[in-house]
Amino acid sequence: FTPFTASPTAMGERKVLNKYIPPDFDPSKIPRSKAPRGAKNGQIKVRMMLPMTICCNTCGEFIVKGTKFNARKEDVVGEDYLGIRIFRFYFRCTRCSAELAMKTDPKNSDYVVEAGASRNYEMWKDTTEDDEAKAKAMDEAGNEMRALENRTEESKREMDIMAALDEMRSLNARHAGVSNADALRAISSAAKTEDKLAAERDAATARAIFNEQRANFVKRLDSESDDGSGSDDDAAKAKKSRVEDAPKVSVVVKRPTVAVKAKVKPKAASPPPA
């Protein structure tokens, strides 16, 4: 009886280290993963502990280091340090619920309070100019690249200062030949010019309004009853002329006749002639 032994190529590997990638593979067609749960406007909810003791500016409550918060985290747009992203955290005061904000400071390996609170005084963080110079020298001692970067920054700062000084000198030179009288004269002339332009604008506006009203104006015929400036004689003459010029019209007035019955009295007999 001969036992069966499989060749290494007959069975697949149990732990695959290399995967086959087809030549027509397009990574842009891979569906993107969904945003974290609770993310809104680029902010995600995180659970964090306060890295330092702060004082709320609204109610004056002291929030000690190590206090836990449910905070909102977001990326600071347009800010980074040597390619390291900077994050901003929003949380609320434990007493008055005022919103507080802080962000990371990778340059100093610390945090910076931005709004709503102030950081307590920490003596161990205070450094003098001598301490900064010593720390800079120690940093440059074993790192040539750091020393080169510092020298480049210093030379750039000096060039900026020299450019600003040159600009100030040129500005002072231009203003050196201008006396106080010339400055006052220029200011007064500018004020007069501005007043003249304002008066012209007002006059143009008034003319436009007058022309508009004149276009919409309806002329009314004056009647003689409205004319109170003439004398009484003129009025009488005008009335007489109107009466004379009027056409003559014959008018017949019919009056009702009333029948009156008169009583007839008998006449007395006249005496016979003698």
Protein backbone atom coordinates (compact mmCIF):
# COMPACT_ATOMS: atom_id res chain seq x y z
CA PHE A 1 0.00 0.00 0.00
CA THR A 2 1.47 3.26 -1.10
CA PRO A 3 0.07 6.39 0.60
CA PHE A 4 -1.11 9.30 -1.55
CA THR A 5 1.06 12.43 -1.37
CA ALA A 6 -0.16 15.63 -3.00
CA SER A 7 2.26 17.83 -4.78
CA PRO A 8 2.66 21.43 -3.57
CA THR A 9 1.13 22.70 -6.80
CA ALA A 10 -1.99 20.55 -6.53
CA MET A 11 -3.59 22.54 -3.67
CA GLY A 12 -3.91 26.29 -3.24
CA GLU A 13 -2.09 28.17 -0.52
CA ARG A 14 -3.93 28.51 2.77
CA LYS A 15 -2.57 32.02 3.42
CA VAL A 16 -2.48 34.05 0.25
CA LEU A 17 0.24 36.70 0.29
CA ASN A 18 -0.07 37.88 -3.29
CA LYS A 19 -3.36 38.68 -5.03
CA TYR A 20 -4.03 38.77 -8.72
CA ILE A 21 -4.75 42.20 -10.17
CA PRO A 22 -6.23 42.14 -13.67
CA PRO A 23 -4.74 44.49 -16.29
CA ASP A 24 -8.05 46.36 -16.74
CA PHE A 25 -8.37 47.17 -13.02
CA ASP A 26 -9.59 50.76 -12.36
CA PRO A 27 -9.38 51.83 -8.68
CA SER A 28 -11.67 54.84 -9.33
CA LYS A 29 -14.59 52.42 -9.83
CA ILE A 30 -14.31 51.09 -6.29
CA PRO A 31 -17.32 52.40 -4.30
CA ARG A 32 -16.43 54.77 -1.53
CA SER A 33 -17.09 53.84 2.05
CA LYS A 34 -19.92 55.54 3.86
CA ALA A 35 -19.28 58.50 6.15
CA PRO A 36 -19.01 57.76 9.87
CA ARG A 37 -22.27 57.60 11.72
CA GLY A 38 -23.34 60.97 13.07
CA ALA A 39 -21.07 62.94 10.71
CA LYS A 40 -22.58 66.28 9.65
CA ASN A 41 -20.97 69.13 7.71
CA GLY A 42 -17.61 67.39 7.92
CA GLN A 43 -17.84 67.04 11.70
CA ILE A 44 -17.83 63.78 13.63
CA LYS A 45 -18.70 63.14 17.25
CA VAL A 46 -15.87 61.96 19.47
CA ARG A 47 -15.39 61.29 23.16
CA MET A 48 -12.44 63.19 24.58
CA MET A 49 -10.87 64.42 27.80
CA LEU A 50 -9.89 68.01 28.40
CA PRO A 51 -6.09 68.29 28.09
CA MET A 52 -5.76 71.39 30.32
CA THR A 53 -7.66 73.43 32.89
CA ILE A 54 -9.72 76.27 31.43
CA CYS A 55 -12.10 78.95 32.69
CA CYS A 56 -15.40 79.66 30.93
CA ASN A 57 -15.73 83.30 29.86
CA THR A 58 -19.54 83.23 30.15
CA CYS A 59 -20.12 81.96 33.68
CA GLY A 60 -16.60 81.83 35.14
CA GLU A 61 -16.73 78.07 35.77
CA PHE A 62 -13.36 76.31 36.05
CA ILE A 63 -13.22 73.07 34.06
CA VAL A 64 -10.33 70.95 35.28
CA LYS A 65 -8.00 68.82 33.23
CA GLY A 66 -9.31 65.31 32.51
CA THR A 67 -13.01 66.24 32.26
CA LYS A 68 -14.76 64.07 29.67
CA PHE A 69 -16.81 65.59 26.88
CA ASN A 70 -18.83 64.57 23.85
CA ALA A 71 -17.18 66.86 21.30
CA ARG A 72 -17.46 67.57 17.58
CA LYS A 73 -14.23 67.25 15.62
CA GLU A 74 -13.43 68.82 12.26
CA ASP A 75 -10.39 69.58 10.13
CA VAL A 76 -9.10 73.16 10.13
CA VAL A 77 -9.26 74.23 6.49
CA GLY A 78 -6.15 75.94 5.17
CA GLU A 79 -3.96 75.28 8.21
CA ASP A 80 -1.33 72.62 8.73
CA TYR A 81 2.15 72.25 10.16
CA LEU A 82 4.73 70.49 7.98
CA GLY A 83 1.97 68.44 6.40
CA ILE A 84 0.38 67.53 9.75
CA ARG A 85 -3.35 68.19 9.86
CA ILE A 86 -4.80 70.46 12.55
CA PHE A 87 -8.09 69.50 14.20
CA ARG A 88 -10.67 71.68 15.91
CA PHE A 89 -12.94 70.51 18.74
CA TYR A 90 -16.26 71.99 19.84
CA PHE A 91 -17.69 71.22 23.28
CA ARG A 92 -19.88 72.88 25.90
CA CYS A 93 -19.39 74.26 29.39
CA THR A 94 -20.52 71.93 32.18
CA ARG A 95 -22.40 74.75 33.93
CA CYS A 96 -23.87 77.20 31.40
CA SER A 97 -23.66 75.03 28.24
CA ALA A 98 -21.82 77.79 26.35
CA GLU A 99 -19.97 76.51 23.30
CA LEU A 100 -16.18 76.36 23.62
CA ALA A 101 -13.64 75.70 20.88
CA MET A 102 -10.01 74.63 20.81
CA LYS A 103 -7.61 73.24 18.21
CA THR A 104 -4.43 71.22 18.16
CA ASP A 105 -0.97 72.81 18.02
CA PRO A 106 1.43 70.23 16.57
CA LYS A 107 4.31 72.72 16.53
CA ASN A 108 4.36 72.93 20.34
CA SER A 109 2.73 69.51 20.93
CA ASP A 110 -0.12 71.26 22.73
CA TYR A 111 -3.66 72.66 22.35
CA VAL A 112 -4.84 76.24 21.77
CA VAL A 113 -8.12 77.58 23.18
CA GLU A 114 -9.84 79.55 20.41
CA ALA A 115 -13.17 80.82 21.72
CA GLY A 116 -15.43 80.77 24.76
CA ALA A 117 -12.80 80.16 27.43
CA SER A 118 -9.34 81.13 28.62
CA ARG A 119 -6.51 78.89 29.66
CA ASN A 120 -5.16 79.05 33.19
CA TYR A 121 -1.69 80.35 33.87
CA GLU A 122 0.89 77.59 33.70
CA MET A 123 4.29 78.53 35.03
CA TRP A 124 6.15 75.64 33.47
CA LYS A 125 5.19 76.91 30.02
CA ASP A 126 6.78 80.32 30.48
CA THR A 127 10.13 80.61 28.71
CA THR A 128 12.49 83.55 28.44
CA GLU A 129 14.50 84.64 25.41
CA ASP A 130 17.61 82.97 26.84
CA ASP A 131 15.76 79.70 27.22
CA GLU A 132 14.51 79.93 23.64
CA ALA A 133 18.03 80.65 22.38
CA LYS A 134 19.44 77.69 24.32
CA ALA A 135 16.73 75.39 23.04
CA LYS A 136 17.37 76.59 19.49
CA ALA A 137 21.11 76.02 19.82
CA MET A 138 20.56 72.53 21.23
CA ASP A 139 18.17 71.74 18.38
CA GLU A 140 20.66 72.91 15.77
CA ALA A 141 23.62 71.13 17.38
CA GLY A 142 22.88 67.68 16.00
CA ASN A 143 20.67 68.59 13.04
CA GLU A 144 22.21 70.39 10.08
CA MET A 145 18.91 70.59 8.23
CA ARG A 146 17.28 72.35 11.16
CA ALA A 147 20.13 74.87 11.29
CA LEU A 148 19.78 75.49 7.54
CA GLU A 149 16.02 76.02 7.89
CA ASN A 150 16.54 78.49 10.75
CA ARG A 151 19.13 80.46 8.78
CA THR A 152 16.82 80.57 5.77
CA GLU A 153 13.97 81.88 7.89
CA GLU A 154 16.19 84.52 9.47
CA SER A 155 17.47 85.72 6.08
CA LYS A 156 13.92 85.89 4.73
CA ARG A 157 12.79 87.87 7.78
CA GLU A 158 15.70 90.32 7.34
CA MET A 159 14.86 90.78 3.65
CA ASP A 160 11.22 91.54 4.51
CA ILE A 161 12.34 94.08 7.11
CA MET A 162 14.69 95.77 4.65
CA ALA A 163 11.95 95.95 2.00
CA ALA A 164 9.57 97.55 4.49
CA LEU A 165 12.22 100.09 5.51
CA ASP A 166 12.91 101.00 1.87
CA GLU A 167 9.22 101.53 1.25
CA MET A 168 8.95 103.78 4.31
CA ARG A 169 11.99 105.80 3.19
CA SER A 170 10.57 106.32 -0.32
CA LEU A 171 7.22 107.36 1.15
CA ASN A 172 8.86 109.85 3.48
CA ALA A 173 10.91 111.24 0.58
CA ARG A 174 7.77 111.82 -1.48
CA HIS A 175 6.07 113.57 1.41
CA ALA A 176 9.14 115.61 2.37
CA GLY A 177 8.56 118.22 -0.37
CA VAL A 178 4.92 118.82 0.63
CA SER A 179 4.35 121.67 3.10
CA ASN A 180 1.41 122.12 5.43
CA ALA A 181 0.01 124.94 3.28
CA ASP A 182 0.10 122.75 0.16
CA ALA A 183 -1.62 119.93 2.02
CA LEU A 184 -4.36 122.27 3.29
CA ARG A 185 -4.78 123.79 -0.17
CA ALA A 186 -5.16 120.35 -1.73
CA ILE A 187 -7.70 119.33 0.88
CA SER A 188 -9.73 122.54 0.42
CA SER A 189 -9.70 122.22 -3.38
CA ALA A 190 -10.86 118.63 -3.15
CA ALA A 191 -13.68 119.68 -0.80
CA LYS A 192 -14.76 122.50 -3.16
CA THR A 193 -14.73 120.16 -6.14
CA GLU A 194 -16.84 117.66 -4.27
CA ASP A 195 -19.32 120.38 -3.22
CA LYS A 196 -19.58 121.61 -6.83
CA LEU A 197 -20.25 118.12 -8.11
CA ALA A 198 -22.88 117.60 -5.42
CA ALA A 199 -24.61 120.89 -6.38
CA GLU A 200 -24.60 119.88 -10.05
CA ARG A 201 -26.12 116.53 -9.20
CA ASP A 202 -28.84 118.20 -7.12
CA ALA A 203 -29.63 120.67 -9.93
CA ALA A 204 -29.85 117.87 -12.49
CA THR A 205 -32.18 115.93 -10.22
CA ALA A 206 -34.40 118.98 -9.69
CA ARG A 207 -34.59 119.65 -13.45
CA ALA A 208 -35.52 116.04 -14.13
CA ILE A 209 -38.30 116.15 -11.53
CA PHE A 210 -39.60 119.49 -12.88
CA ASN A 211 -39.65 118.25 -16.47
CA GLU A 212 -41.47 115.10 -15.41
CA GLN A 213 -44.12 117.10 -13.55
CA ARG A 214 -44.43 119.53 -16.46
CA ALA A 215 -45.03 116.67 -18.89
CA ASN A 216 -47.85 115.38 -16.70
CA PHE A 217 -49.36 118.87 -16.21
CA VAL A 218 -52.89 119.52 -17.66
CA LYS A 219 -53.64 123.18 -18.38
CA ARG A 220 -57.05 124.41 -17.11
CA LEU A 221 -59.08 127.03 -18.89
CA ASP A 222 -59.61 130.09 -16.73
CA SER A 223 -63.22 131.14 -16.31
CA GLU A 224 -64.38 134.66 -15.74
CA SER A 225 -65.73 133.72 -12.34
CA ASP A 226 -62.22 132.70 -11.28
CA ASP A 227 -60.65 135.91 -12.53
CA GLY A 228 -60.80 138.31 -9.65
CA SER A 229 -58.24 140.78 -10.97
CA GLY A 230 -60.62 142.71 -13.34
CA SER A 231 -62.74 145.63 -12.32
CA ASP A 232 -66.53 145.74 -12.01
CA ASP A 233 -66.83 147.86 -15.18
CA ASP A 234 -65.00 145.26 -17.24
CA ALA A 235 -67.29 142.59 -15.90
CA ALA A 236 -70.38 144.63 -16.76
CA LYS A 237 -69.12 145.33 -20.29
CA ALA A 238 -68.38 141.67 -20.84
CA LYS A 239 -71.86 140.74 -19.63
CA LYS A 240 -73.50 143.32 -21.89
CA SER A 241 -71.53 142.10 -24.91
CA ARG A 242 -72.60 138.57 -24.25
CA VAL A 243 -76.26 139.66 -24.06
CA GLU A 244 -75.99 141.62 -27.34
CA ASP A 245 -74.26 138.82 -29.17
CA ALA A 246 -76.83 136.28 -28.10
CA PRO A 247 -79.41 135.31 -30.76
CA LYS A 248 -82.84 136.94 -30.41
CA VAL A 249 -85.58 134.50 -29.47
CA SER A 250 -89.26 135.33 -29.37
CA VAL A 251 -91.02 134.02 -26.37
CA VAL A 252 -94.77 133.71 -26.13
CA VAL A 253 -96.21 133.47 -22.68
CA LYS A 254 -99.68 132.04 -22.44
CA ARG A 255 -101.68 133.00 -19.43
CA PRO A 256 -104.67 130.99 -18.32
CA THR A 257 -108.05 132.84 -18.82
CA VAL A 258 -110.55 132.80 -16.04
CA ALA A 259 -114.22 133.22 -16.83
CA VAL A 260 -115.75 135.76 -14.53
CA LYS A 261 -119.47 136.03 -14.37
CA ALA A 262 -120.43 139.63 -13.77
CA LYS A 263 -123.75 140.52 -12.28
CA VAL A 264 -125.70 142.74 -14.60
CA LYS A 265 -127.71 145.43 -12.72
CA PRO A 266 -130.97 146.71 -14.31
CA LYS A 267 -130.78 150.28 -15.52
CA ALA A 268 -133.23 152.80 -14.09
CA ALA A 269 -135.91 154.16 -16.44
CA SER A 270 -135.00 157.50 -17.80
CA PRO A 271 -137.80 160.23 -17.42
CA PRO A 272 -139.76 161.18 -20.52
CA PRO A 273 -138.74 164.30 -22.23
CA ALA A 274 -140.88 167.37 -21.48
